[in-house]
């Protein structure tokens, strides 16, 4: 019994450390790749600590807003259909479904921006 308990708690500690690294990597990548569309909230690990951790990430894709919130070991992920700042639909999603939906919306956004860029290029060069 004690060995199973020890193994399970060790796995949970490792998963939490992996999640911390995953969130930091995700936030850094999104901030760098999508300036102006991503908001990241970080909280210092202590009063005089140099280290901080991710508390929340918000991504605006045009079609939906994506919210990730961390409260200790708990991660909550929400997709919200927002029109002119008003939330019309709010869905709690598992992390994997949230990530899949985010990737799909980012692909759509990228296509729209590429189309607009091509149109502007054609207009200016034509």
N, C-alpha and C. Protein backbone atom coordinates (compact mmCIF):
# COMPACT_ATOMS: atom_id res chain seq x y z
N UNK A 1 0.83 -1.20 0.00
CA UNK A 1 0.00 0.00 0.00
C UNK A 1 0.88 1.26 0.00
N UNK A 2 1.88 1.30 0.86
CA UNK A 2 2.73 2.46 0.96
C UNK A 2 3.51 2.71 -0.33
N UNK A 3 3.96 1.64 -0.98
CA UNK A 3 4.71 1.77 -2.22
C UNK A 3 3.82 2.37 -3.31
N UNK A 4 2.58 1.89 -3.43
CA UNK A 4 1.64 2.44 -4.42
C UNK A 4 1.39 3.92 -4.15
N UNK A 5 1.20 4.26 -2.89
CA UNK A 5 0.97 5.65 -2.52
C UNK A 5 2.16 6.51 -2.90
N UNK A 6 3.35 6.05 -2.57
CA UNK A 6 4.57 6.80 -2.89
C UNK A 6 4.74 6.97 -4.39
N UNK A 7 4.48 5.91 -5.16
CA UNK A 7 4.59 5.98 -6.61
C UNK A 7 3.57 6.96 -7.19
N UNK A 8 2.35 6.92 -6.67
CA UNK A 8 1.31 7.81 -7.17
C UNK A 8 1.62 9.26 -6.85
N UNK A 9 2.07 9.54 -5.65
CA UNK A 9 2.39 10.93 -5.31
C UNK A 9 3.60 11.42 -6.09
N UNK A 10 4.56 10.54 -6.35
CA UNK A 10 5.72 10.94 -7.16
C UNK A 10 5.27 11.27 -8.58
N UNK A 11 4.35 10.48 -9.13
CA UNK A 11 3.84 10.75 -10.48
C UNK A 11 3.11 12.08 -10.51
N UNK A 12 2.32 12.37 -9.49
CA UNK A 12 1.58 13.64 -9.43
C UNK A 12 2.55 14.82 -9.36
N UNK A 13 3.59 14.72 -8.54
CA UNK A 13 4.59 15.80 -8.47
C UNK A 13 5.25 16.02 -9.83
N UNK A 14 5.61 14.93 -10.52
CA UNK A 14 6.24 15.04 -11.83
C UNK A 14 5.28 15.66 -12.84
N UNK A 15 4.02 15.26 -12.81
CA UNK A 15 3.03 15.81 -13.74
C UNK A 15 2.84 17.30 -13.50
N UNK A 16 2.84 17.73 -12.23
CA UNK A 16 2.70 19.15 -11.93
C UNK A 16 3.91 19.93 -12.43
N UNK A 17 5.10 19.38 -12.28
CA UNK A 17 6.30 20.05 -12.78
C UNK A 17 6.26 20.13 -14.30
N UNK A 18 5.82 19.06 -14.95
CA UNK A 18 5.69 19.06 -16.41
C UNK A 18 4.67 20.10 -16.85
N UNK A 19 3.56 20.23 -16.13
CA UNK A 19 2.52 21.20 -16.48
C UNK A 19 3.04 22.62 -16.33
N UNK A 20 3.83 22.87 -15.30
CA UNK A 20 4.42 24.19 -15.11
C UNK A 20 5.32 24.54 -16.30
N UNK A 21 6.15 23.60 -16.71
CA UNK A 21 7.04 23.82 -17.86
C UNK A 21 6.22 23.98 -19.15
N UNK A 22 5.18 23.18 -19.31
CA UNK A 22 4.32 23.28 -20.49
C UNK A 22 3.66 24.65 -20.58
N UNK A 23 3.09 25.12 -19.46
CA UNK A 23 2.41 26.42 -19.46
C UNK A 23 3.39 27.56 -19.75
N UNK A 24 4.58 27.49 -19.18
CA UNK A 24 5.58 28.53 -19.43
C UNK A 24 5.98 28.53 -20.90
N UNK A 25 6.20 27.35 -21.45
CA UNK A 25 6.56 27.25 -22.87
C UNK A 25 5.44 27.74 -23.77
N UNK A 26 4.20 27.37 -23.46
CA UNK A 26 3.05 27.80 -24.25
C UNK A 26 2.91 29.32 -24.20
N UNK A 27 2.98 29.89 -23.02
CA UNK A 27 2.84 31.34 -22.87
C UNK A 27 3.94 32.09 -23.62
N UNK A 28 5.18 31.64 -23.47
CA UNK A 28 6.30 32.30 -24.13
C UNK A 28 6.14 32.24 -25.64
N UNK A 29 5.77 31.09 -26.14
CA UNK A 29 5.60 30.91 -27.60
C UNK A 29 4.47 31.79 -28.12
N UNK A 30 3.32 31.78 -27.45
CA UNK A 30 2.18 32.57 -27.91
C UNK A 30 2.46 34.06 -27.85
N UNK A 31 3.09 34.51 -26.76
CA UNK A 31 3.42 35.94 -26.63
C UNK A 31 4.35 36.39 -27.76
N UNK A 32 5.32 35.56 -28.09
CA UNK A 32 6.28 35.93 -29.12
C UNK A 32 5.69 35.86 -30.52
N UNK A 33 4.84 34.86 -30.76
CA UNK A 33 4.30 34.64 -32.09
C UNK A 33 3.04 35.46 -32.40
N UNK A 34 2.32 35.89 -31.36
CA UNK A 34 1.04 36.57 -31.57
C UNK A 34 0.91 37.83 -30.71
N UNK A 35 1.83 38.77 -30.87
CA UNK A 35 1.75 39.97 -30.02
C UNK A 35 0.41 40.70 -30.23
N UNK A 36 -0.14 41.16 -29.14
CA UNK A 36 -1.40 41.88 -29.21
C UNK A 36 -2.63 40.99 -29.13
N UNK A 37 -2.46 39.68 -29.35
CA UNK A 37 -3.59 38.76 -29.30
C UNK A 37 -3.56 37.87 -28.07
N UNK A 38 -2.48 37.96 -27.30
CA UNK A 38 -2.29 37.09 -26.15
C UNK A 38 -2.02 37.92 -24.90
N UNK A 39 -2.67 37.56 -23.82
CA UNK A 39 -2.43 38.19 -22.52
C UNK A 39 -2.01 37.08 -21.55
N UNK A 40 -0.90 37.30 -20.85
CA UNK A 40 -0.40 36.32 -19.90
C UNK A 40 -0.30 36.98 -18.54
N UNK A 41 -0.88 36.33 -17.54
CA UNK A 41 -0.77 36.81 -16.16
C UNK A 41 0.23 35.91 -15.43
N UNK A 42 1.25 36.54 -14.89
CA UNK A 42 2.25 35.82 -14.11
C UNK A 42 2.20 36.33 -12.67
N UNK A 43 2.53 35.44 -11.75
CA UNK A 43 2.55 35.82 -10.33
C UNK A 43 3.89 35.40 -9.75
N UNK A 44 4.51 36.31 -9.01
CA UNK A 44 5.79 36.00 -8.38
C UNK A 44 5.60 34.86 -7.38
N UNK A 45 6.63 34.01 -7.28
CA UNK A 45 6.56 32.86 -6.38
C UNK A 45 6.71 33.25 -4.91
N UNK A 46 7.06 34.48 -4.64
CA UNK A 46 7.20 34.96 -3.27
C UNK A 46 7.46 36.46 -3.30
N UNK A 47 7.49 37.07 -2.15
CA UNK A 47 7.64 38.52 -2.06
C UNK A 47 8.91 39.01 -2.74
N UNK A 48 10.02 38.36 -2.50
CA UNK A 48 11.29 38.78 -3.09
C UNK A 48 11.80 37.79 -4.13
N UNK A 49 10.94 36.90 -4.59
CA UNK A 49 11.35 35.85 -5.52
C UNK A 49 11.61 36.42 -6.91
N UNK A 50 12.62 35.88 -7.56
CA UNK A 50 12.91 36.25 -8.95
C UNK A 50 12.08 35.41 -9.91
N UNK A 51 11.62 34.27 -9.44
CA UNK A 51 10.83 33.36 -10.27
C UNK A 51 9.35 33.69 -10.17
N UNK A 52 8.63 33.37 -11.24
CA UNK A 52 7.18 33.55 -11.25
C UNK A 52 6.56 32.34 -11.94
N UNK A 53 5.25 32.25 -11.86
CA UNK A 53 4.54 31.18 -12.54
C UNK A 53 3.33 31.74 -13.28
N UNK A 54 2.87 31.00 -14.24
CA UNK A 54 1.72 31.40 -15.05
C UNK A 54 0.46 31.20 -14.23
N UNK A 55 -0.36 32.25 -14.14
CA UNK A 55 -1.66 32.13 -13.49
C UNK A 55 -2.77 32.02 -14.52
N UNK A 56 -2.63 32.74 -15.65
CA UNK A 56 -3.69 32.73 -16.65
C UNK A 56 -3.13 33.12 -18.02
N UNK A 57 -3.76 32.56 -19.05
CA UNK A 57 -3.43 32.91 -20.42
C UNK A 57 -4.76 33.18 -21.14
N UNK A 58 -4.82 34.28 -21.87
CA UNK A 58 -5.99 34.60 -22.69
C UNK A 58 -5.52 34.80 -24.12
N UNK A 59 -6.21 34.14 -25.06
CA UNK A 59 -5.87 34.25 -26.48
C UNK A 59 -7.12 34.69 -27.23
N UNK A 60 -6.97 35.74 -28.04
CA UNK A 60 -8.07 36.26 -28.85
C UNK A 60 -7.83 35.83 -30.30
N UNK A 61 -8.74 35.04 -30.87
CA UNK A 61 -8.54 34.54 -32.23
C UNK A 61 -9.49 35.17 -33.25
N UNK A 62 -10.37 36.04 -32.81
CA UNK A 62 -11.35 36.61 -33.73
C UNK A 62 -12.66 35.85 -33.64
N UNK A 63 -12.60 34.53 -33.81
CA UNK A 63 -13.81 33.71 -33.68
C UNK A 63 -14.15 33.44 -32.22
N UNK A 64 -13.14 33.16 -31.44
CA UNK A 64 -13.33 32.80 -30.04
C UNK A 64 -12.23 33.41 -29.19
N UNK A 65 -12.52 33.51 -27.91
CA UNK A 65 -11.50 33.86 -26.93
C UNK A 65 -11.24 32.59 -26.12
N UNK A 66 -9.97 32.32 -25.86
CA UNK A 66 -9.57 31.13 -25.11
C UNK A 66 -8.96 31.56 -23.80
N UNK A 67 -9.42 30.95 -22.72
CA UNK A 67 -8.96 31.29 -21.37
C UNK A 67 -8.41 30.03 -20.71
N UNK A 68 -7.22 30.14 -20.18
CA UNK A 68 -6.62 29.08 -19.38
C UNK A 68 -6.30 29.69 -18.04
N UNK A 69 -6.74 29.05 -16.99
CA UNK A 69 -6.50 29.55 -15.63
C UNK A 69 -5.92 28.43 -14.79
N UNK A 70 -4.88 28.77 -14.04
CA UNK A 70 -4.25 27.78 -13.16
C UNK A 70 -4.46 28.20 -11.72
N UNK A 71 -4.95 27.25 -10.93
CA UNK A 71 -5.14 27.48 -9.51
C UNK A 71 -4.48 26.30 -8.79
N UNK A 72 -3.23 26.49 -8.42
CA UNK A 72 -2.48 25.39 -7.82
C UNK A 72 -2.26 24.30 -8.85
N UNK A 73 -2.72 23.09 -8.54
CA UNK A 73 -2.57 21.97 -9.46
C UNK A 73 -3.72 21.88 -10.45
N UNK A 74 -4.76 22.69 -10.25
CA UNK A 74 -5.95 22.62 -11.11
C UNK A 74 -5.81 23.58 -12.30
N UNK A 75 -6.08 23.07 -13.49
CA UNK A 75 -6.08 23.87 -14.72
C UNK A 75 -7.51 23.89 -15.25
N UNK A 76 -8.03 25.07 -15.52
CA UNK A 76 -9.35 25.16 -16.17
C UNK A 76 -9.17 25.86 -17.51
N UNK A 77 -9.88 25.35 -18.50
CA UNK A 77 -9.79 25.89 -19.85
C UNK A 77 -11.19 26.16 -20.37
N UNK A 78 -11.35 27.36 -20.96
CA UNK A 78 -12.66 27.81 -21.43
C UNK A 78 -12.51 28.40 -22.82
N UNK A 79 -13.48 28.11 -23.67
CA UNK A 79 -13.59 28.76 -24.98
C UNK A 79 -14.87 29.59 -24.93
N UNK A 80 -14.76 30.85 -25.34
CA UNK A 80 -15.91 31.74 -25.30
C UNK A 80 -16.12 32.37 -26.67
N UNK A 81 -17.34 32.27 -27.17
CA UNK A 81 -17.72 32.96 -28.41
C UNK A 81 -18.04 34.39 -28.02
N UNK A 82 -17.21 35.33 -28.51
CA UNK A 82 -17.34 36.72 -28.12
C UNK A 82 -17.55 37.58 -29.36
N UNK A 83 -18.56 38.42 -29.32
CA UNK A 83 -18.84 39.35 -30.41
C UNK A 83 -18.89 40.76 -29.82
N UNK A 84 -18.02 41.63 -30.32
CA UNK A 84 -17.91 43.02 -29.86
C UNK A 84 -17.83 43.12 -28.34
N UNK A 85 -17.03 42.24 -27.74
CA UNK A 85 -16.80 42.30 -26.31
C UNK A 85 -17.87 41.63 -25.46
N UNK A 86 -18.89 41.05 -26.09
CA UNK A 86 -19.96 40.39 -25.34
C UNK A 86 -19.86 38.89 -25.53
N UNK A 87 -19.80 38.15 -24.42
CA UNK A 87 -19.69 36.70 -24.48
C UNK A 87 -21.08 36.13 -24.77
N UNK A 88 -21.20 35.44 -25.93
CA UNK A 88 -22.47 34.83 -26.32
C UNK A 88 -22.57 33.38 -25.87
N UNK A 89 -21.42 32.70 -25.80
CA UNK A 89 -21.40 31.29 -25.42
C UNK A 89 -20.11 31.01 -24.68
N UNK A 90 -20.21 30.22 -23.64
CA UNK A 90 -19.08 29.92 -22.76
C UNK A 90 -19.03 28.40 -22.60
N UNK A 91 -17.87 27.79 -22.95
CA UNK A 91 -17.75 26.33 -22.85
C UNK A 91 -16.52 25.94 -22.04
N UNK A 92 -16.73 25.16 -21.00
CA UNK A 92 -15.61 24.57 -20.26
C UNK A 92 -15.16 23.35 -21.06
N UNK A 93 -13.87 23.28 -21.36
CA UNK A 93 -13.32 22.20 -22.17
C UNK A 93 -12.17 21.52 -21.45
N UNK A 94 -11.93 20.26 -21.81
CA UNK A 94 -10.71 19.61 -21.31
C UNK A 94 -9.53 20.29 -21.98
N UNK A 95 -8.35 20.17 -21.39
CA UNK A 95 -7.17 20.82 -21.94
C UNK A 95 -6.90 20.35 -23.37
N UNK A 96 -7.05 19.07 -23.64
CA UNK A 96 -6.75 18.56 -24.98
C UNK A 96 -7.74 19.09 -26.02
N UNK A 97 -9.02 19.15 -25.69
CA UNK A 97 -10.02 19.69 -26.62
C UNK A 97 -9.80 21.19 -26.81
N UNK A 98 -9.46 21.89 -25.74
CA UNK A 98 -9.17 23.33 -25.80
C UNK A 98 -8.01 23.60 -26.75
N UNK A 99 -6.93 22.81 -26.63
CA UNK A 99 -5.77 22.98 -27.49
C UNK A 99 -6.11 22.68 -28.96
N UNK A 100 -6.88 21.62 -29.20
CA UNK A 100 -7.29 21.29 -30.58
C UNK A 100 -8.11 22.42 -31.19
N UNK A 101 -9.05 22.95 -30.43
CA UNK A 101 -9.89 24.04 -30.92
C UNK A 101 -9.06 25.30 -31.17
N UNK A 102 -8.13 25.59 -30.27
CA UNK A 102 -7.25 26.75 -30.43
C UNK A 102 -6.42 26.63 -31.70
N UNK A 103 -5.85 25.46 -31.94
CA UNK A 103 -5.05 25.25 -33.15
C UNK A 103 -5.91 25.47 -34.39
N UNK A 104 -7.14 24.96 -34.40
CA UNK A 104 -8.03 25.14 -35.56
C UNK A 104 -8.36 26.61 -35.78
N UNK A 105 -8.66 27.35 -34.71
CA UNK A 105 -8.97 28.78 -34.84
C UNK A 105 -7.75 29.58 -35.28
N UNK A 106 -6.57 29.20 -34.81
CA UNK A 106 -5.35 29.90 -35.23
C UNK A 106 -5.07 29.65 -36.71
N UNK A 107 -5.36 28.44 -37.20
CA UNK A 107 -5.20 28.16 -38.62
C UNK A 107 -6.15 29.02 -39.45
N UNK A 108 -7.40 29.17 -38.99
CA UNK A 108 -8.37 30.02 -39.69
C UNK A 108 -7.91 31.48 -39.68
N UNK A 109 -7.45 31.95 -38.53
CA UNK A 109 -6.98 33.33 -38.40
C UNK A 109 -5.79 33.58 -39.31
N UNK A 110 -4.88 32.64 -39.36
CA UNK A 110 -3.71 32.75 -40.22
C UNK A 110 -4.12 32.85 -41.68
N UNK A 111 -5.07 32.02 -42.09
CA UNK A 111 -5.56 32.06 -43.47
C UNK A 111 -6.20 33.39 -43.81
N UNK A 112 -6.99 33.92 -42.87
CA UNK A 112 -7.64 35.22 -43.09
C UNK A 112 -6.60 36.33 -43.22
N UNK A 113 -5.60 36.30 -42.35
CA UNK A 113 -4.56 37.35 -42.39
C UNK A 113 -3.73 37.24 -43.66
N UNK A 114 -3.44 36.02 -44.09
CA UNK A 114 -2.67 35.83 -45.32
C UNK A 114 -3.48 36.33 -46.52
N UNK A 115 -4.78 36.05 -46.53
CA UNK A 115 -5.64 36.54 -47.61
C UNK A 115 -5.68 38.05 -47.65
N UNK A 116 -5.80 38.69 -46.49
CA UNK A 116 -5.82 40.15 -46.42
C UNK A 116 -4.49 40.73 -46.88
N UNK A 117 -3.39 40.10 -46.48
CA UNK A 117 -2.07 40.55 -46.90
C UNK A 117 -1.90 40.44 -48.40
N UNK A 118 -2.35 39.33 -48.97
CA UNK A 118 -2.26 39.15 -50.43
C UNK A 118 -3.09 40.19 -51.16
N UNK A 119 -4.29 40.48 -50.66
CA UNK A 119 -5.16 41.47 -51.28
C UNK A 119 -4.50 42.85 -51.23
N UNK A 120 -3.95 43.20 -50.08
CA UNK A 120 -3.28 44.50 -49.93
C UNK A 120 -2.07 44.57 -50.87
N UNK A 121 -1.29 43.51 -50.94
CA UNK A 121 -0.13 43.47 -51.83
C UNK A 121 -0.57 43.67 -53.30
N UNK A 122 -1.61 42.94 -53.70
CA UNK A 122 -2.11 43.06 -55.07
C UNK A 122 -2.59 44.49 -55.36
N UNK A 123 -3.27 45.08 -54.40
CA UNK A 123 -3.78 46.45 -54.56
C UNK A 123 -2.63 47.44 -54.72
N UNK A 124 -1.63 47.32 -53.84
CA UNK A 124 -0.51 48.25 -53.88
C UNK A 124 0.40 48.05 -55.10
N UNK A 125 0.52 46.86 -55.57
CA UNK A 125 1.39 46.57 -56.69
C UNK A 125 0.68 46.64 -58.04
N UNK A 126 -0.65 46.67 -58.01
CA UNK A 126 -1.40 46.61 -59.28
C UNK A 126 -1.74 47.92 -59.87
